[in-house]
Amino acid sequence: MADSIELLLDPPSDLRVLEDWAALEDAGLPNQSRHQSFSNAPHITLAAAARIDDRYDADLAAASGGPAPDLVTAGFLVFPTRRKFVLARQIVAGTALTGLHRRIWCALDGVQETVPTTVSGAWTPHITLGHGLTAEQLGTALELLRDSPPVRLAAGIVRRWDAKEKCLILLGGGGAPQASG
């Protein structure tokens, strides 16, 4: 499992995404609400690597500062896995969001074993709605959610997930105090 840097949503935006999770759950479809970890929350993964330890925290906190990026959904994305699919809401890669992504990766200079789909040029900002969907379930999910219009969401704080230690480190952004290091 990889460590990651994640952009959370503010509470009202979080609730909006949780509505999608609930709609999928009500239909008996795989969704992120079934992931029972304490760390589970709607988020946009900004970076991931085999190991991102605390030596990067001060630079990540500085990179997380500045105005929170505006977030707008833009339909759905489907990512194939070995035998099933992941369904996500696409997030428009606006200037502020791509700037945050770039600053995060600058702060991670030298990190090894990066997850290729999170680096600049390959990153597609999204919020996962469900994983492990069969093709039939994917069709049902898209039919269920297809009339959901694009929505504006507000960014929250940036956090680091430490998979080895199973802990979250709040880094800043979204009006949160900056971490000191």
Protein backbone atom coordinates (compact mmCIF):
# COMPACT_ATOMS: atom_id res chain seq x y z
CA MET A 1 0.00 0.00 0.00
CA ALA A 2 1.30 3.44 -0.91
CA ASP A 3 1.62 6.59 1.15
CA SER A 4 -0.27 9.54 -0.28
CA ILE A 5 -0.89 13.26 -0.16
CA GLU A 6 -4.61 14.02 -0.34
CA LEU A 7 -6.74 17.13 -0.72
CA LEU A 8 -9.86 16.85 1.41
CA LEU A 9 -13.11 18.74 0.88
CA ASP A 10 -14.79 21.21 3.19
CA PRO A 11 -17.71 19.74 5.21
CA PRO A 12 -20.58 20.81 2.88
CA SER A 13 -18.71 19.50 -0.16
CA ASP A 14 -17.88 16.32 1.69
CA LEU A 15 -21.61 15.80 2.31
CA ARG A 16 -22.34 16.29 -1.40
CA VAL A 17 -19.97 13.45 -2.34
CA LEU A 18 -21.32 11.28 0.48
CA GLU A 19 -24.74 11.62 -1.20
CA ASP A 20 -23.29 9.84 -4.25
CA TRP A 21 -21.85 7.13 -2.03
CA ALA A 22 -25.24 6.74 -0.31
CA ALA A 23 -27.09 6.52 -3.64
CA LEU A 24 -24.78 3.71 -4.73
CA GLU A 25 -25.16 1.97 -1.37
CA ASP A 26 -28.96 2.25 -1.51
CA ALA A 27 -28.81 0.51 -4.89
CA GLY A 28 -26.63 -2.27 -3.45
CA LEU A 29 -23.61 -1.21 -5.51
CA PRO A 30 -19.96 -1.16 -4.41
CA ASN A 31 -19.04 2.29 -3.13
CA GLN A 32 -16.52 4.05 -0.91
CA SER A 33 -18.84 4.06 2.12
CA ARG A 34 -18.07 0.35 2.46
CA HIS A 35 -14.41 1.16 3.10
CA GLN A 36 -14.52 1.23 6.90
CA SER A 37 -11.07 2.65 7.67
CA PHE A 38 -10.91 5.67 9.98
CA SER A 39 -9.05 7.45 7.18
CA ASN A 40 -11.85 7.06 4.63
CA ALA A 41 -13.14 10.42 3.37
CA PRO A 42 -13.81 11.92 -0.05
CA HIS A 43 -10.53 13.31 -1.36
CA ILE A 44 -8.39 14.05 -4.39
CA THR A 45 -5.06 12.21 -4.37
CA LEU A 46 -2.34 14.72 -5.22
CA ALA A 47 0.64 12.38 -4.92
CA ALA A 48 1.44 8.81 -3.97
CA ALA A 49 4.61 6.79 -3.54
CA ALA A 50 5.80 3.68 -1.78
CA ARG A 51 7.04 5.85 1.09
CA ILE A 52 6.52 9.54 1.91
CA ASP A 53 7.87 10.03 5.41
CA ASP A 54 7.90 12.96 7.80
CA ARG A 55 11.09 14.50 6.36
CA TYR A 56 8.82 16.05 3.68
CA ASP A 57 6.19 17.46 6.07
CA ALA A 58 7.54 21.00 6.43
CA ASP A 59 7.88 21.46 2.68
CA LEU A 60 4.47 19.85 2.08
CA ALA A 61 2.89 22.18 4.64
CA ALA A 62 4.40 25.19 2.87
CA ALA A 63 3.25 23.84 -0.51
CA SER A 64 -0.29 23.39 0.84
CA GLY A 65 -0.61 27.06 1.74
CA GLY A 66 -2.27 29.70 -0.35
CA PRO A 67 -5.84 30.07 -1.42
CA ALA A 68 -7.88 26.89 -1.58
CA PRO A 69 -8.44 25.82 -5.19
CA ASP A 70 -11.92 26.00 -6.67
CA LEU A 71 -13.16 22.53 -7.50
CA VAL A 72 -15.77 21.68 -10.11
CA THR A 73 -16.92 18.20 -11.09
CA ALA A 74 -17.11 17.36 -14.77
CA GLY A 75 -18.83 14.04 -15.25
CA PHE A 76 -17.55 10.57 -14.49
CA LEU A 77 -14.34 8.65 -15.05
CA VAL A 78 -13.94 4.90 -15.24
CA PHE A 79 -10.63 3.22 -14.44
CA PRO A 80 -10.24 -0.47 -15.28
CA THR A 81 -8.61 -2.78 -12.75
CA ARG A 82 -7.66 -6.42 -13.27
CA ARG A 83 -11.23 -7.69 -13.60
CA LYS A 84 -13.45 -4.85 -12.43
CA PHE A 85 -13.80 -1.07 -12.54
CA VAL A 86 -13.38 2.05 -10.41
CA LEU A 87 -15.99 4.81 -10.80
CA ALA A 88 -15.01 8.39 -9.97
CA ARG A 89 -16.20 11.96 -10.36
CA GLN A 90 -13.79 13.90 -12.53
CA ILE A 91 -12.52 17.18 -11.10
CA VAL A 92 -11.65 19.95 -13.56
CA ALA A 93 -7.91 20.54 -13.46
CA GLY A 94 -8.09 24.32 -12.99
CA THR A 95 -5.08 26.58 -12.60
CA ALA A 96 -5.14 26.68 -8.79
CA LEU A 97 -5.53 22.90 -8.48
CA THR A 98 -2.75 22.14 -10.95
CA GLY A 99 -0.60 24.73 -9.17
CA LEU A 100 -1.17 22.95 -5.85
CA HIS A 101 -0.35 19.61 -7.50
CA ARG A 102 2.88 21.06 -8.92
CA ARG A 103 3.89 22.57 -5.54
CA ILE A 104 3.24 19.25 -3.78
CA TRP A 105 5.49 17.40 -6.22
CA CYS A 106 8.21 20.06 -5.87
CA ALA A 107 8.05 19.49 -2.09
CA LEU A 108 8.46 15.75 -2.72
CA ASP A 109 11.65 16.20 -4.72
CA GLY A 110 13.67 13.00 -4.41
CA VAL A 111 10.82 10.73 -3.31
CA GLN A 112 11.27 7.24 -4.77
CA GLU A 113 8.85 4.67 -6.20
CA THR A 114 6.14 7.12 -7.17
CA VAL A 115 2.71 5.96 -8.29
CA PRO A 116 2.85 6.85 -12.00
CA THR A 117 -0.77 8.03 -12.30
CA THR A 118 -0.19 10.78 -9.71
CA VAL A 119 2.75 12.55 -11.35
CA SER A 120 2.51 15.60 -13.57
CA GLY A 121 1.47 14.72 -17.09
CA ALA A 122 -0.36 11.56 -16.02
CA TRP A 123 -2.52 12.84 -13.15
CA THR A 124 -6.29 13.00 -13.57
CA PRO A 125 -7.89 14.70 -10.58
CA HIS A 126 -10.90 12.76 -9.36
CA ILE A 127 -12.87 11.67 -6.31
CA THR A 128 -13.49 7.94 -6.12
CA LEU A 129 -17.13 6.91 -5.74
CA GLY A 130 -16.69 3.15 -5.82
CA HIS A 131 -14.27 0.41 -6.72
CA GLY A 132 -14.71 -3.27 -7.48
CA LEU A 133 -17.68 -2.74 -9.79
CA THR A 134 -18.44 -5.33 -12.45
CA ALA A 135 -19.32 -4.09 -15.94
CA GLU A 136 -23.00 -4.62 -15.19
CA GLN A 137 -22.76 -2.76 -11.87
CA LEU A 138 -20.86 0.04 -13.56
CA GLY A 139 -23.68 0.48 -16.07
CA THR A 140 -26.22 0.55 -13.26
CA ALA A 141 -24.17 3.09 -11.29
CA LEU A 142 -23.80 5.39 -14.28
CA GLU A 143 -27.52 5.17 -14.99
CA LEU A 144 -28.25 6.00 -11.36
CA LEU A 145 -25.91 9.01 -11.20
CA ARG A 146 -26.08 10.26 -14.80
CA ASP A 147 -28.46 13.13 -14.10
CA SER A 148 -26.17 14.57 -11.43
CA PRO A 149 -25.12 17.97 -12.75
CA PRO A 150 -21.58 19.30 -12.39
CA VAL A 151 -21.19 20.81 -8.93
CA ARG A 152 -18.85 23.28 -7.30
CA LEU A 153 -16.99 21.88 -4.34
CA ALA A 154 -14.72 23.64 -1.88
CA ALA A 155 -11.29 22.34 -0.97
CA GLY A 156 -10.43 21.55 2.61
CA ILE A 157 -7.09 20.68 4.11
CA VAL A 158 -4.21 18.69 2.67
CA ARG A 159 -3.15 15.59 4.58
CA ARG A 160 -0.50 12.90 4.35
CA TRP A 161 -1.50 9.25 4.73
CA ASP A 162 1.28 7.15 6.23
CA ALA A 163 0.37 3.58 5.28
CA LYS A 164 3.21 2.04 7.30
CA GLU A 165 2.20 3.74 10.55
CA LYS A 166 -1.53 3.84 9.66
CA CYS A 167 -1.81 7.52 10.57
CA LEU A 168 -2.87 10.81 9.06
CA ILE A 169 -0.84 14.00 9.25
CA LEU A 170 -2.69 17.26 8.61
CA LEU A 171 -0.46 19.54 6.55
CA GLY A 172 -2.50 22.70 6.00
CA GLY A 173 -4.41 24.56 3.35
CA GLY A 174 -8.15 25.09 3.30
CA GLY A 175 -7.94 27.66 6.07
CA ALA A 176 -6.26 25.19 8.46
CA PRO A 177 -3.23 26.28 10.48
CA GLN A 178 0.02 25.32 8.80
CA ALA A 179 1.98 22.45 10.30
CA SER A 180 5.22 23.54 11.88
CA GLY A 181 8.34 21.60 11.39
